[in-house]
Amino acid sequence: MPDINNIINEPGNNEPEAINRKMDMDGWTRERGEAIAEEEGLSLGEMHWQVVDFLRDYYIRHGKASAGRVLAAALDEAFAAQGGTAYLLTLFPKGPVAQASRIGGLPVPAYTVDQSFGSAM
């Protein structure tokens, strides 16, 4: 049963669908994210975690993005002050959408299978 205090403090995160998505993500841990990053040749710092946390929060609020471009645009806007997409590619060279989603234990959106999408490769 939803906690009324959480609903008041975070109204967008406590709708039934958002609560179900939170429960779907319960098995993921930062340690698991670190292990995935290590497999991909990344050492995660605080800036990496900000991106992963943004994507996990986005997933809770909106569900799985219909396409990678939706998340790419949201990330570009959220991190515009740091340099947007160019900055994100320095953190996630295999693509900020696909790579950060994998590290965050999230479903990778459609149309991100192409290795060149959102990456510097």
PDB file of N, CA and C in Angstrom:
ATOM      1  N   MET A   1       0.845  -1.180   0.000  1.00  0.00           N
ATOM      2  CA  MET A   1       0.000   0.000   0.000  1.00  0.00           C
ATOM      3  C   MET A   1       0.889   1.242   0.000  1.00  0.00           C
ATOM      4  N   PRO A   2       0.600   2.223  -0.863  1.00  0.00           N
ATOM      5  CA  PRO A   2       1.427   3.423  -0.936  1.00  0.00           C
ATOM      6  C   PRO A   2       1.377   4.238   0.358  1.00  0.00           C
ATOM      7  N   ASP A   3       2.519   4.824   0.690  1.00  0.00           N
ATOM      8  CA  ASP A   3       2.629   5.685   1.863  1.00  0.00           C
ATOM      9  C   ASP A   3       2.189   7.091   1.480  1.00  0.00           C
ATOM     10  N   ILE A   4       1.214   7.647   2.186  1.00  0.00           N
ATOM     11  CA  ILE A   4       0.668   8.967   1.864  1.00  0.00           C
ATOM     12  C   ILE A   4       1.727  10.058   1.949  1.00  0.00           C
ATOM     13  N   ASN A   5       2.679   9.939   2.866  1.00  0.00           N
ATOM     14  CA  ASN A   5       3.739  10.942   2.973  1.00  0.00           C
ATOM     15  C   ASN A   5       4.609  10.966   1.723  1.00  0.00           C
ATOM     16  N   ASN A   6       4.904   9.799   1.161  1.00  0.00           N
ATOM     17  CA  ASN A   6       5.679   9.755  -0.079  1.00  0.00           C
ATOM     18  C   ASN A   6       4.888  10.337  -1.242  1.00  0.00           C
ATOM     19  N   ILE A   7       3.601  10.080  -1.281  1.00  0.00           N
ATOM     20  CA  ILE A   7       2.763  10.618  -2.350  1.00  0.00           C
ATOM     21  C   ILE A   7       2.752  12.137  -2.299  1.00  0.00           C
ATOM     22  N   ILE A   8       2.688  12.695  -1.104  1.00  0.00           N
ATOM     23  CA  ILE A   8       2.682  14.149  -0.960  1.00  0.00           C
ATOM     24  C   ILE A   8       4.037  14.735  -1.336  1.00  0.00           C
ATOM     25  N   ASN A   9       5.120  14.092  -0.888  1.00  0.00           N
ATOM     26  CA  ASN A   9       6.463  14.617  -1.121  1.00  0.00           C
ATOM     27  C   ASN A   9       6.965  14.369  -2.538  1.00  0.00           C
ATOM     28  N   GLU A  10       6.580  13.261  -3.155  1.00  0.00           N
ATOM     29  CA  GLU A  10       7.026  12.914  -4.503  1.00  0.00           C
ATOM     30  C   GLU A  10       5.830  12.434  -5.322  1.00  0.00           C
ATOM     31  N   PRO A  11       4.945  13.335  -5.734  1.00  0.00           N
ATOM     32  CA  PRO A  11       3.721  12.903  -6.387  1.00  0.00           C
ATOM     33  C   PRO A  11       3.920  12.105  -7.671  1.00  0.00           C
ATOM     34  N   GLY A  12       4.905  12.410  -8.482  1.00  0.00           N
ATOM     35  CA  GLY A  12       5.096  11.711  -9.748  1.00  0.00           C
ATOM     36  C   GLY A  12       5.629  10.311  -9.604  1.00  0.00           C
ATOM     37  N   ASN A  13       6.257   9.985  -8.479  1.00  0.00           N
ATOM     38  CA  ASN A  13       6.875   8.680  -8.294  1.00  0.00           C
ATOM     39  C   ASN A  13       5.987   7.678  -7.582  1.00  0.00           C
ATOM     40  N   ASN A  14       4.779   8.028  -7.269  1.00  0.00           N
ATOM     41  CA  ASN A  14       3.970   7.138  -6.451  1.00  0.00           C
ATOM     42  C   ASN A  14       2.681   6.692  -7.115  1.00  0.00           C
ATOM     43  N   GLU A  15       2.580   6.883  -8.402  1.00  0.00           N
ATOM     44  CA  GLU A  15       1.452   6.335  -9.126  1.00  0.00           C
ATOM     45  C   GLU A  15       1.659   4.832  -9.189  1.00  0.00           C
ATOM     46  N   PRO A  16       0.605   4.050  -9.335  1.00  0.00           N
ATOM     47  CA  PRO A  16       0.761   2.580  -9.324  1.00  0.00           C
ATOM     48  C   PRO A  16       1.802   2.066 -10.310  1.00  0.00           C
ATOM     49  N   GLU A  17       1.847   2.625 -11.508  1.00  0.00           N
ATOM     50  CA  GLU A  17       2.823   2.161 -12.497  1.00  0.00           C
ATOM     51  C   GLU A  17       4.249   2.444 -12.031  1.00  0.00           C
ATOM     52  N   ALA A  18       4.469   3.625 -11.449  1.00  0.00           N
ATOM     53  CA  ALA A  18       5.806   3.976 -10.959  1.00  0.00           C
ATOM     54  C   ALA A  18       6.203   3.070  -9.801  1.00  0.00           C
ATOM     55  N   ILE A  19       5.276   2.757  -8.937  1.00  0.00           N
ATOM     56  CA  ILE A  19       5.564   1.856  -7.816  1.00  0.00           C
ATOM     57  C   ILE A  19       5.948   0.485  -8.349  1.00  0.00           C
ATOM     58  N   ASN A  20       5.239  -0.007  -9.366  1.00  0.00           N
ATOM     59  CA  ASN A  20       5.572  -1.302  -9.960  1.00  0.00           C
ATOM     60  C   ASN A  20       6.961  -1.272 -10.594  1.00  0.00           C
ATOM     61  N   ARG A  21       7.305  -0.163 -11.262  1.00  0.00           N
ATOM     62  CA  ARG A  21       8.638  -0.072 -11.869  1.00  0.00           C
ATOM     63  C   ARG A  21       9.723  -0.034 -10.799  1.00  0.00           C
ATOM     64  N   LYS A  22       9.456   0.624  -9.668  1.00  0.00           N
ATOM     65  CA  LYS A  22      10.430   0.625  -8.571  1.00  0.00           C
ATOM     66  C   LYS A  22      10.672  -0.797  -8.091  1.00  0.00           C
ATOM     67  N   MET A  23       9.591  -1.563  -7.948  1.00  0.00           N
ATOM     68  CA  MET A  23       9.726  -2.948  -7.490  1.00  0.00           C
ATOM     69  C   MET A  23      10.480  -3.792  -8.513  1.00  0.00           C
ATOM     70  N   ASP A  24      10.277  -3.533  -9.809  1.00  0.00           N
ATOM     71  CA  ASP A  24      11.000  -4.264 -10.852  1.00  0.00           C
ATOM     72  C   ASP A  24      12.502  -4.050 -10.739  1.00  0.00           C
ATOM     73  N   MET A  25      12.918  -2.902 -10.238  1.00  0.00           N
ATOM     74  CA  MET A  25      14.335  -2.555 -10.168  1.00  0.00           C
ATOM     75  C   MET A  25      14.973  -2.938  -8.830  1.00  0.00           C
ATOM     76  N   ASP A  26      14.239  -3.550  -7.939  1.00  0.00           N
ATOM     77  CA  ASP A  26      14.753  -3.859  -6.609  1.00  0.00           C
ATOM     78  C   ASP A  26      15.974  -4.772  -6.608  1.00  0.00           C
ATOM     79  N   GLY A  27      16.144  -5.627  -7.603  1.00  0.00           N
ATOM     80  CA  GLY A  27      17.264  -6.558  -7.615  1.00  0.00           C
ATOM     81  C   GLY A  27      18.595  -5.935  -8.009  1.00  0.00           C
ATOM     82  N   TRP A  28      18.564  -4.733  -8.537  1.00  0.00           N
ATOM     83  CA  TRP A  28      19.777  -4.065  -8.983  1.00  0.00           C
ATOM     84  C   TRP A  28      20.476  -3.392  -7.814  1.00  0.00           C
ATOM     85  N   THR A  29      21.808  -3.435  -7.816  1.00  0.00           N
ATOM     86  CA  THR A  29      22.605  -2.735  -6.808  1.00  0.00           C
ATOM     87  C   THR A  29      23.719  -1.967  -7.509  1.00  0.00           C
ATOM     88  N   ARG A  30      24.288  -1.009  -6.803  1.00  0.00           N
ATOM     89  CA  ARG A  30      25.431  -0.280  -7.372  1.00  0.00           C
ATOM     90  C   ARG A  30      26.604  -1.218  -7.609  1.00  0.00           C
ATOM     91  N   GLU A  31      26.737  -2.217  -6.772  1.00  0.00           N
ATOM     92  CA  GLU A  31      27.819  -3.186  -6.962  1.00  0.00           C
ATOM     93  C   GLU A  31      27.640  -3.928  -8.283  1.00  0.00           C
ATOM     94  N   ARG A  32      26.388  -4.263  -8.611  1.00  0.00           N
ATOM     95  CA  ARG A  32      26.105  -4.918  -9.895  1.00  0.00           C
ATOM     96  C   ARG A  32      26.431  -3.948 -11.037  1.00  0.00           C
ATOM     97  N   GLY A  33      26.070  -2.690 -10.875  1.00  0.00           N
ATOM     98  CA  GLY A  33      26.391  -1.672 -11.875  1.00  0.00           C
ATOM     99  C   GLY A  33      27.887  -1.535 -12.069  1.00  0.00           C
ATOM    100  N   GLU A  34      28.634  -1.553 -10.969  1.00  0.00           N
ATOM    101  CA  GLU A  34      30.098  -1.483 -11.043  1.00  0.00           C
ATOM    102  C   GLU A  34      30.658  -2.675 -11.817  1.00  0.00           C
ATOM    103  N   ALA A  35      30.103  -3.861 -11.571  1.00  0.00           N
ATOM    104  CA  ALA A  35      30.583  -5.065 -12.256  1.00  0.00           C
ATOM    105  C   ALA A  35      30.313  -4.977 -13.759  1.00  0.00           C
ATOM    106  N   ILE A  36      29.135  -4.494 -14.141  1.00  0.00           N
ATOM    107  CA  ILE A  36      28.810  -4.332 -15.561  1.00  0.00           C
ATOM    108  C   ILE A  36      29.750  -3.312 -16.189  1.00  0.00           C
ATOM    109  N   ALA A  37      29.982  -2.206 -15.494  1.00  0.00           N
ATOM    110  CA  ALA A  37      30.884  -1.169 -16.006  1.00  0.00           C
ATOM    111  C   ALA A  37      32.286  -1.722 -16.195  1.00  0.00           C
ATOM    112  N   GLU A  38      32.746  -2.500 -15.237  1.00  0.00           N
ATOM    113  CA  GLU A  38      34.083  -3.086 -15.334  1.00  0.00           C
ATOM    114  C   GLU A  38      34.183  -3.998 -16.548  1.00  0.00           C
ATOM    115  N   GLU A  39      33.129  -4.791 -16.802  1.00  0.00           N
ATOM    116  CA  GLU A  39      33.104  -5.657 -17.985  1.00  0.00           C
ATOM    117  C   GLU A  39      33.198  -4.822 -19.264  1.00  0.00           C
ATOM    118  N   GLU A  40      32.683  -3.605 -19.217  1.00  0.00           N
ATOM    119  CA  GLU A  40      32.694  -2.725 -20.387  1.00  0.00           C
ATOM    120  C   GLU A  40      33.908  -1.797 -20.403  1.00  0.00           C
ATOM    121  N   GLY A  41      34.819  -1.988 -19.453  1.00  0.00           N
ATOM    122  CA  GLY A  41      36.048  -1.215 -19.436  1.00  0.00           C
ATOM    123  C   GLY A  41      35.922   0.172 -18.833  1.00  0.00           C
ATOM    124  N   LEU A  42      34.903   0.394 -18.000  1.00  0.00           N
ATOM    125  CA  LEU A  42      34.708   1.699 -17.368  1.00  0.00           C
ATOM    126  C   LEU A  42      34.959   1.624 -15.872  1.00  0.00           C
ATOM    127  N   SER A  43      35.522   2.688 -15.355  1.00  0.00           N
ATOM    128  CA  SER A  43      35.635   2.889 -13.917  1.00  0.00           C
ATOM    129  C   SER A  43      34.703   4.043 -13.584  1.00  0.00           C
ATOM    130  N   LEU A  44      33.680   3.771 -12.790  1.00  0.00           N
ATOM    131  CA  LEU A  44      32.640   4.767 -12.549  1.00  0.00           C
ATOM    132  C   LEU A  44      33.010   5.753 -11.459  1.00  0.00           C
ATOM    133  N   GLY A  45      32.790   7.029 -11.765  1.00  0.00           N
ATOM    134  CA  GLY A  45      32.956   8.107 -10.806  1.00  0.00           C
ATOM    135  C   GLY A  45      31.610   8.731 -10.498  1.00  0.00           C
ATOM    136  N   GLU A  46      31.616   9.781  -9.712  1.00  0.00           N
ATOM    137  CA  GLU A  46      30.372  10.437  -9.310  1.00  0.00           C
ATOM    138  C   GLU A  46      29.566  10.939 -10.500  1.00  0.00           C
ATOM    139  N   MET A  47      30.227  11.451 -11.535  1.00  0.00           N
ATOM    140  CA  MET A  47      29.503  11.963 -12.706  1.00  0.00           C
ATOM    141  C   MET A  47      28.803  10.834 -13.460  1.00  0.00           C
ATOM    142  N   HIS A  48      29.430   9.669 -13.528  1.00  0.00           N
ATOM    143  CA  HIS A  48      28.787   8.515 -14.158  1.00  0.00           C
ATOM    144  C   HIS A  48      27.505   8.163 -13.397  1.00  0.00           C
ATOM    145  N   TRP A  49      27.624   8.162 -12.068  1.00  0.00           N
ATOM    146  CA  TRP A  49      26.460   7.790 -11.257  1.00  0.00           C
ATOM    147  C   TRP A  49      25.330   8.803 -11.390  1.00  0.00           C
ATOM    148  N   GLN A  50      25.666  10.062 -11.614  1.00  0.00           N
ATOM    149  CA  GLN A  50      24.608  11.051 -11.830  1.00  0.00           C
ATOM    150  C   GLN A  50      23.795  10.710 -13.075  1.00  0.00           C
ATOM    151  N   VAL A  51      24.468  10.267 -14.122  1.00  0.00           N
ATOM    152  CA  VAL A  51      23.773   9.886 -15.354  1.00  0.00           C
ATOM    153  C   VAL A  51      22.936   8.630 -15.121  1.00  0.00           C
ATOM    154  N   VAL A  52      23.524   7.621 -14.496  1.00  0.00           N
ATOM    155  CA  VAL A  52      22.792   6.381 -14.218  1.00  0.00           C
ATOM    156  C   VAL A  52      21.584   6.672 -13.333  1.00  0.00           C
ATOM    157  N   ASP A  53      21.772   7.476 -12.297  1.00  0.00           N
ATOM    158  CA  ASP A  53      20.655   7.824 -11.410  1.00  0.00           C
ATOM    159  C   ASP A  53      19.571   8.588 -12.158  1.00  0.00           C
ATOM    160  N   PHE A  54      19.966   9.474 -13.067  1.00  0.00           N
ATOM    161  CA  PHE A  54      18.986  10.199 -13.880  1.00  0.00           C
ATOM    162  C   PHE A  54      18.153   9.214 -14.697  1.00  0.00           C
ATOM    163  N   LEU A  55      18.822   8.255 -15.346  1.00  0.00           N
ATOM    164  CA  LEU A  55      18.103   7.287 -16.170  1.00  0.00           C
ATOM    165  C   LEU A  55      17.185   6.400 -15.338  1.00  0.00           C
ATOM    166  N   ARG A  56      17.626   6.001 -14.156  1.00  0.00           N
ATOM    167  CA  ARG A  56      16.782   5.168 -13.297  1.00  0.00           C
ATOM    168  C   ARG A  56      15.564   5.955 -12.827  1.00  0.00           C
ATOM    169  N   ASP A  57      15.745   7.221 -12.479  1.00  0.00           N
ATOM    170  CA  ASP A  57      14.620   8.057 -12.082  1.00  0.00           C
ATOM    171  C   ASP A  57      13.676   8.280 -13.270  1.00  0.00           C
ATOM    172  N   TYR A  58      14.237   8.505 -14.444  1.00  0.00           N
ATOM    173  CA  TYR A  58      13.422   8.688 -15.649  1.00  0.00           C
ATOM    174  C   TYR A  58      12.567   7.446 -15.885  1.00  0.00           C
ATOM    175  N   TYR A  59      13.167   6.271 -15.735  1.00  0.00           N
ATOM    176  CA  TYR A  59      12.437   5.017 -15.935  1.00  0.00           C
ATOM    177  C   TYR A  59      11.282   4.887 -14.940  1.00  0.00           C
ATOM    178  N   ILE A  60      11.531   5.230 -13.692  1.00  0.00           N
ATOM    179  CA  ILE A  60      10.468   5.151 -12.683  1.00  0.00           C
ATOM    180  C   ILE A  60       9.325   6.095 -13.050  1.00  0.00           C
ATOM    181  N   ARG A  61       9.656   7.296 -13.451  1.00  0.00           N
ATOM    182  CA  ARG A  61       8.627   8.301 -13.753  1.00  0.00           C
ATOM    183  C   ARG A  61       7.879   8.043 -15.053  1.00  0.00           C
ATOM    184  N   HIS A  62       8.602   7.573 -16.092  1.00  0.00           N
ATOM    185  CA  HIS A  62       8.004   7.494 -17.426  1.00  0.00           C
ATOM    186  C   HIS A  62       7.909   6.092 -18.007  1.00  0.00           C
ATOM    187  N   GLY A  63       8.558   5.123 -17.407  1.00  0.00           N
ATOM    188  CA  GLY A  63       8.597   3.791 -17.983  1.00  0.00           C
ATOM    189  C   GLY A  63       9.673   3.698 -19.047  1.00  0.00           C
ATOM    190  N   LYS A  64       9.661   2.587 -19.758  1.00  0.00           N
ATOM    191  CA  LYS A  64      10.657   2.367 -20.800  1.00  0.00           C
ATOM    192  C   LYS A  64      10.432   3.368 -21.925  1.00  0.00           C
ATOM    193  N   ALA A  65      11.510   4.017 -22.334  1.00  0.00           N
ATOM    194  CA  ALA A  65      11.428   4.988 -23.435  1.00  0.00           C
ATOM    195  C   ALA A  65      11.086   4.248 -24.720  1.00  0.00           C
ATOM    196  N   SER A  66      10.265   4.869 -25.550  1.00  0.00           N
ATOM    197  CA  SER A  66       9.843   4.245 -26.801  1.00  0.00           C
ATOM    198  C   SER A  66      10.998   4.113 -27.792  1.00  0.00           C
ATOM    199  N   ALA A  67      11.956   5.001 -27.693  1.00  0.00           N
ATOM    200  CA  ALA A  67      13.116   4.962 -28.586  1.00  0.00           C
ATOM    201  C   ALA A  67      14.305   5.616 -27.890  1.00  0.00           C
ATOM    202  N   GLY A  68      15.490   5.246 -28.336  1.00  0.00           N
ATOM    203  CA  GLY A  68      16.701   5.799 -27.754  1.00  0.00           C
ATOM    204  C   GLY A  68      16.778   7.314 -27.871  1.00  0.00           C
ATOM    205  N   ARG A  69      16.199   7.869 -28.928  1.00  0.00           N
ATOM    206  CA  ARG A  69      16.248   9.323 -29.122  1.00  0.00           C
ATOM    207  C   ARG A  69      15.530  10.076 -28.013  1.00  0.00           C
ATOM    208  N   VAL A  70      14.500   9.474 -27.469  1.00  0.00           N
ATOM    209  CA  VAL A  70      13.761  10.115 -26.374  1.00  0.00           C
ATOM    210  C   VAL A  70      14.693  10.302 -25.179  1.00  0.00           C
ATOM    211  N   LEU A  71      15.405   9.248 -24.823  1.00  0.00           N
ATOM    212  CA  LEU A  71      16.342   9.338 -23.697  1.00  0.00           C
ATOM    213  C   LEU A  71      17.548  10.206 -24.035  1.00  0.00           C
ATOM    214  N   ALA A  72      18.013  10.138 -25.260  1.00  0.00           N
ATOM    215  CA  ALA A  72      19.149  10.966 -25.665  1.00  0.00           C
ATOM    216  C   ALA A  72      18.803  12.438 -25.509  1.00  0.00           C
ATOM    217  N   ALA A  73      17.601  12.816 -25.903  1.00  0.00           N
ATOM    218  CA  ALA A  73      17.171  14.214 -25.776  1.00  0.00           C
ATOM    219  C   ALA A  73      17.036  14.611 -24.311  1.00  0.00           C
ATOM    220  N   ALA A  74      16.477  13.720 -23.494  1.00  0.00           N
ATOM    221  CA  ALA A  74      16.321  14.011 -22.066  1.00  0.00           C
ATOM    222  C   ALA A  74      17.681  14.158 -21.393  1.00  0.00           C
ATOM    223  N   LEU A  75      18.619  13.290 -21.736  1.00  0.00           N
ATOM    224  CA  LEU A  75      19.970  13.381 -21.177  1.00  0.00           C
ATOM    225  C   LEU A  75      20.666  14.653 -21.627  1.00  0.00           C
ATOM    226  N   ASP A  76      20.547  14.974 -22.918  1.00  0.00           N
ATOM    227  CA  ASP A  76      21.176  16.176 -23.453  1.00  0.00           C
ATOM    228  C   ASP A  76      20.671  17.416 -22.722  1.00  0.00           C
ATOM    229  N   GLU A  77      19.386  17.469 -22.470  1.00  0.00           N
ATOM    230  CA  GLU A  77      18.807  18.613 -21.758  1.00  0.00           C
ATOM    231  C   GLU A  77      19.263  18.647 -20.298  1.00  0.00           C
ATOM    232  N   ALA A  78      19.228  17.502 -19.643  1.00  0.00           N
ATOM    233  CA  ALA A  78      19.579  17.441 -18.220  1.00  0.00           C
ATOM    234  C   ALA A  78      21.044  17.784 -17.966  1.00  0.00           C
ATOM    235  N   PHE A  79      21.912  17.458 -18.913  1.00  0.00           N
ATOM    236  CA  PHE A  79      23.342  17.676 -18.722  1.00  0.00           C
ATOM    237  C   PHE A  79      23.883  18.742 -19.670  1.00  0.00           C
ATOM    238  N   ALA A  80      23.020  19.642 -20.095  1.00  0.00           N
ATOM    239  CA  ALA A  80      23.414  20.721 -21.020  1.00  0.00           C
ATOM    240  C   ALA A  80      24.490  21.616 -20.410  1.00  0.00           C
ATOM    241  N   ALA A  81      24.398  21.893 -19.130  1.00  0.00           N
ATOM    242  CA  ALA A  81      25.369  22.784 -18.482  1.00  0.00           C
ATOM    243  C   ALA A  81      26.774  22.190 -18.501  1.00  0.00           C
ATOM    244  N   GLN A  82      26.883  20.878 -18.530  1.00  0.00           N
ATOM    245  CA  GLN A  82      28.195  20.232 -18.563  1.00  0.00           C
ATOM    246  C   GLN A  82      28.697  20.024 -19.992  1.00  0.00           C
ATOM    247  N   GLY A  83      27.838  20.220 -20.974  1.00  0.00           N
ATOM    248  CA  GLY A  83      28.240  20.034 -22.369  1.00  0.00           C
ATOM    249  C   GLY A  83      27.329  19.107 -23.146  1.00  0.00           C
ATOM    250  N   GLY A  84      26.266  18.641 -22.515  1.00  0.00           N
ATOM    251  CA  GLY A  84      25.277  17.816 -23.222  1.00  0.00           C
ATOM    252  C   GLY A  84      25.839  16.508 -23.731  1.00  0.00           C
ATOM    253  N   THR A  85      25.452  16.167 -24.944  1.00  0.00           N
ATOM    254  CA  THR A  85      25.819  14.885 -25.536  1.00  0.00           C
ATOM    255  C   THR A  85      27.331  14.698 -25.632  1.00  0.00           C
ATOM    256  N   ALA A  86      28.055  15.739 -25.998  1.00  0.00           N
ATOM    257  CA  ALA A  86      29.513  15.618 -26.105  1.00  0.00           C
ATOM    258  C   ALA A  86      30.119  15.233 -24.758  1.00  0.00           C
ATOM    259  N   TYR A  87      29.635  15.834 -23.696  1.00  0.00           N
ATOM    260  CA  TYR A  87      30.098  15.509 -22.350  1.00  0.00           C
ATOM    261  C   TYR A  87      29.745  14.069 -21.996  1.00  0.00           C
ATOM    262  N   LEU A  88      28.522  13.669 -22.288  1.00  0.00           N
ATOM    263  CA  LEU A  88      28.056  12.321 -21.955  1.00  0.00           C
ATOM    264  C   LEU A  88      28.864  11.252 -22.676  1.00  0.00           C
ATOM    265  N   LEU A  89      29.290  11.560 -23.902  1.00  0.00           N
ATOM    266  CA  LEU A  89      30.103  10.596 -24.651  1.00  0.00           C
ATOM    267  C   LEU A  89      31.491  10.423 -24.043  1.00  0.00           C
ATOM    268  N   THR A  90      31.980  11.421 -23.318  1.00  0.00           N
ATOM    269  CA  THR A  90      33.267  11.243 -22.632  1.00  0.00           C
ATOM    270  C   THR A  90      33.112  10.290 -21.460  1.00  0.00           C
ATOM    271  N   LEU A  91      31.938  10.265 -20.872  1.00  0.00           N
ATOM    272  CA  LEU A  91      31.670   9.367 -19.743  1.00  0.00           C
ATOM    273  C   LEU A  91      31.333   7.953 -20.207  1.00  0.00           C
ATOM    274  N   PHE A  92      30.533   7.872 -21.256  1.00  0.00           N
ATOM    275  CA  PHE A  92      30.041   6.586 -21.769  1.00  0.00           C
ATOM    276  C   PHE A  92      30.363   6.481 -23.256  1.00  0.00           C
ATOM    277  N   PRO A  93      31.591   6.074 -23.597  1.00  0.00           N
ATOM    278  CA  PRO A  93      32.018   6.068 -25.000  1.00  0.00           C
ATOM    279  C   PRO A  93      31.242   5.099 -25.888  1.00  0.00           C
ATOM    280  N   LYS A  94      30.556   4.118 -25.313  1.00  0.00           N
ATOM    281  CA  LYS A  94      29.741   3.196 -26.114  1.00  0.00           C
ATOM    282  C   LYS A  94      28.305   3.690 -26.231  1.00  0.00           C
ATOM    283  N   GLY A  95      28.081   4.937 -25.848  1.00  0.00           N
ATOM    284  CA  GLY A  95      26.760   5.546 -25.975  1.00  0.00           C
ATOM    285  C   GLY A  95      26.118   5.767 -24.624  1.00  0.00           C
ATOM    286  N   PRO A  96      25.786   7.003 -24.305  1.00  0.00           N
ATOM    287  CA  PRO A  96      25.206   7.293 -22.986  1.00  0.00           C
ATOM    288  C   PRO A  96      23.863   6.622 -22.756  1.00  0.00           C
ATOM    289  N   VAL A  97      23.077   6.421 -23.800  1.00  0.00           N
ATOM    290  CA  VAL A  97      21.773   5.783 -23.619  1.00  0.00           C
ATOM    291  C   VAL A  97      21.944   4.294 -23.365  1.00  0.00           C
ATOM    292  N   ALA A  98      22.562   3.598 -24.300  1.00  0.00           N
ATOM    293  CA  ALA A  98      22.668   2.144 -24.192  1.00  0.00           C
ATOM    294  C   ALA A  98      23.588   1.713 -23.047  1.00  0.00           C
ATOM    295  N   GLN A  99      24.780   2.280 -22.975  1.00  0.00           N
ATOM    296  CA  GLN A  99      25.748   1.844 -21.979  1.00  0.00           C
ATOM    297  C   GLN A  99      25.297   2.188 -20.557  1.00  0.00           C
ATOM    298  N   ALA A 100      24.827   3.405 -20.353  1.00  0.00           N
ATOM    299  CA  ALA A 100      24.381   3.795 -19.013  1.00  0.00           C
ATOM    300  C   ALA A 100      23.123   3.027 -18.611  1.00  0.00           C
ATOM    301  N   SER A 101      22.259   2.712 -19.567  1.00  0.00           N
ATOM    302  CA  SER A 101      21.070   1.908 -19.253  1.00  0.00           C
ATOM    303  C   SER A 101      21.478   0.509 -18.801  1.00  0.00           C
ATOM    304  N   ARG A 102      22.429  -0.101 -19.515  1.00  0.00           N
ATOM    305  CA  ARG A 102      22.895  -1.431 -19.114  1.00  0.00           C
ATOM    306  C   ARG A 102      23.488  -1.401 -17.713  1.00  0.00           C
ATOM    307  N   ILE A 103      24.322  -0.417 -17.450  1.00  0.00           N
ATOM    308  CA  ILE A 103      24.956  -0.302 -16.134  1.00  0.00           C
ATOM    309  C   ILE A 103      23.913  -0.088 -15.050  1.00  0.00           C
ATOM    310  N   GLY A 104      22.873   0.666 -15.375  1.00  0.00           N
ATOM    311  CA  GLY A 104      21.808   0.951 -14.413  1.00  0.00           C
ATOM    312  C   GLY A 104      20.777  -0.150 -14.261  1.00  0.00           C
ATOM    313  N   GLY A 105      20.961  -1.260 -14.966  1.00  0.00           N
ATOM    314  CA  GLY A 105      20.019  -2.371 -14.850  1.00  0.00           C
ATOM    315  C   GLY A 105      18.676  -2.076 -15.487  1.00  0.00           C
ATOM    316  N   LEU A 106      18.681  -1.226 -16.500  1.00  0.00           N
ATOM    317  CA  LEU A 106      17.444  -0.808 -17.155  1.00  0.00           C
ATOM    318  C   LEU A 106      17.317  -1.439 -18.535  1.00  0.00           C
ATOM    319  N   PRO A 107      16.087  -1.556 -19.025  1.00  0.00           N
ATOM    320  CA  PRO A 107      15.935  -2.034 -20.395  1.00  0.00           C
ATOM    321  C   PRO A 107      16.498  -1.002 -21.370  1.00  0.00           C
ATOM    322  N   VAL A 108      17.237  -1.476 -22.349  1.00  0.00           N
ATOM    323  CA  VAL A 108      17.790  -0.574 -23.355  1.00  0.00           C
ATOM    324  C   VAL A 108      16.678  -0.275 -24.354  1.00  0.00           C
ATOM    325  N   PRO A 109      16.408   1.007 -24.593  1.00  0.00           N
ATOM    326  CA  PRO A 109      15.311   1.362 -25.491  1.00  0.00           C
ATOM    327  C   PRO A 109      15.526   0.868 -26.918  1.00  0.00           C
ATOM    328  N   ALA A 110      14.426   0.792 -27.647  1.00  0.00           N
ATOM    329  CA  ALA A 110      14.476   0.399 -29.048  1.00  0.00           C
ATOM    330  C   ALA A 110      15.340   1.373 -29.836  1.00  0.00           C
ATOM    331  N   TYR A 111      15.866   0.885 -30.926  1.00  0.00           N
ATOM    332  CA  TYR A 111      16.648   1.681 -31.867  1.00  0.00           C
ATOM    333  C   TYR A 111      17.972   2.159 -31.271  1.00  0.00           C
ATOM    334  N   THR A 112      18.525   1.402 -30.316  1.00  0.00           N
ATOM    335  CA  THR A 112      19.858   1.706 -29.821  1.00  0.00           C
ATOM    336  C   THR A 112      20.797   0.535 -30.062  1.00  0.00           C
ATOM    337  N   VAL A 113      20.346  -0.460 -30.814  1.00  0.00           N
ATOM    338  CA  VAL A 113      21.151  -1.642 -31.081  1.00  0.00           C
ATOM    339  C   VAL A 113      22.332  -1.308 -31.972  1.00  0.00           C
ATOM    340  N   ASP A 114      22.153  -0.396 -32.923  1.00  0.00           N
ATOM    341  CA  ASP A 114      23.235   0.025 -33.811  1.00  0.00           C
ATOM    342  C   ASP A 114      24.367   0.593 -32.969  1.00  0.00           C
ATOM    343  N   GLN A 115      25.555   0.010 -33.096  1.00  0.00           N
ATOM    344  CA  GLN A 115      26.704   0.445 -32.301  1.00  0.00           C
ATOM    345  C   GLN A 115      27.044   1.914 -32.488  1.00  0.00           C
ATOM    346  N   SER A 116      26.664   2.481 -33.623  1.00  0.00           N
ATOM    347  CA  SER A 116      27.011   3.882 -33.870  1.00  0.00           C
ATOM    348  C   SER A 116      26.030   4.841 -33.238  1.00  0.00           C
ATOM    349  N   PHE A 117      24.866   4.366 -32.767  1.00  0.00           N
ATOM    350  CA  PHE A 117      23.872   5.262 -32.195  1.00  0.00           C
ATOM    351  C   PHE A 117      24.358   5.813 -30.863  1.00  0.00           C
ATOM    352  N   GLY A 118      24.475   7.090 -30.766  1.00  0.00           N
ATOM    353  CA  GLY A 118      24.850   7.731 -29.506  1.00  0.00           C
ATOM    354  C   GLY A 118      26.228   7.396 -29.025  1.00  0.00           C
ATOM    355  N   SER A 119      27.116   7.049 -29.931  1.00  0.00           N
ATOM    356  CA  SER A 119      28.466   6.716 -29.496  1.00  0.00           C
ATOM    357  C   SER A 119      29.495   7.420 -30.369  1.00  0.00           C
ATOM    358  N   ALA A 120      30.704   7.436 -29.879  1.00  0.00           N
ATOM    359  CA  ALA A 120      31.799   8.077 -30.610  1.00  0.00           C
ATOM    360  C   ALA A 120      32.540   7.050 -31.464  1.00  0.00           C
ATOM    361  N   MET A 121      32.028   5.837 -31.536  1.00  0.00           N
ATOM    362  CA  MET A 121      32.719   4.767 -32.270  1.00  0.00           C
ATOM    363  C   MET A 121      32.420   4.854 -33.735  1.00  0.00           C
TER     364      MET A 121
END
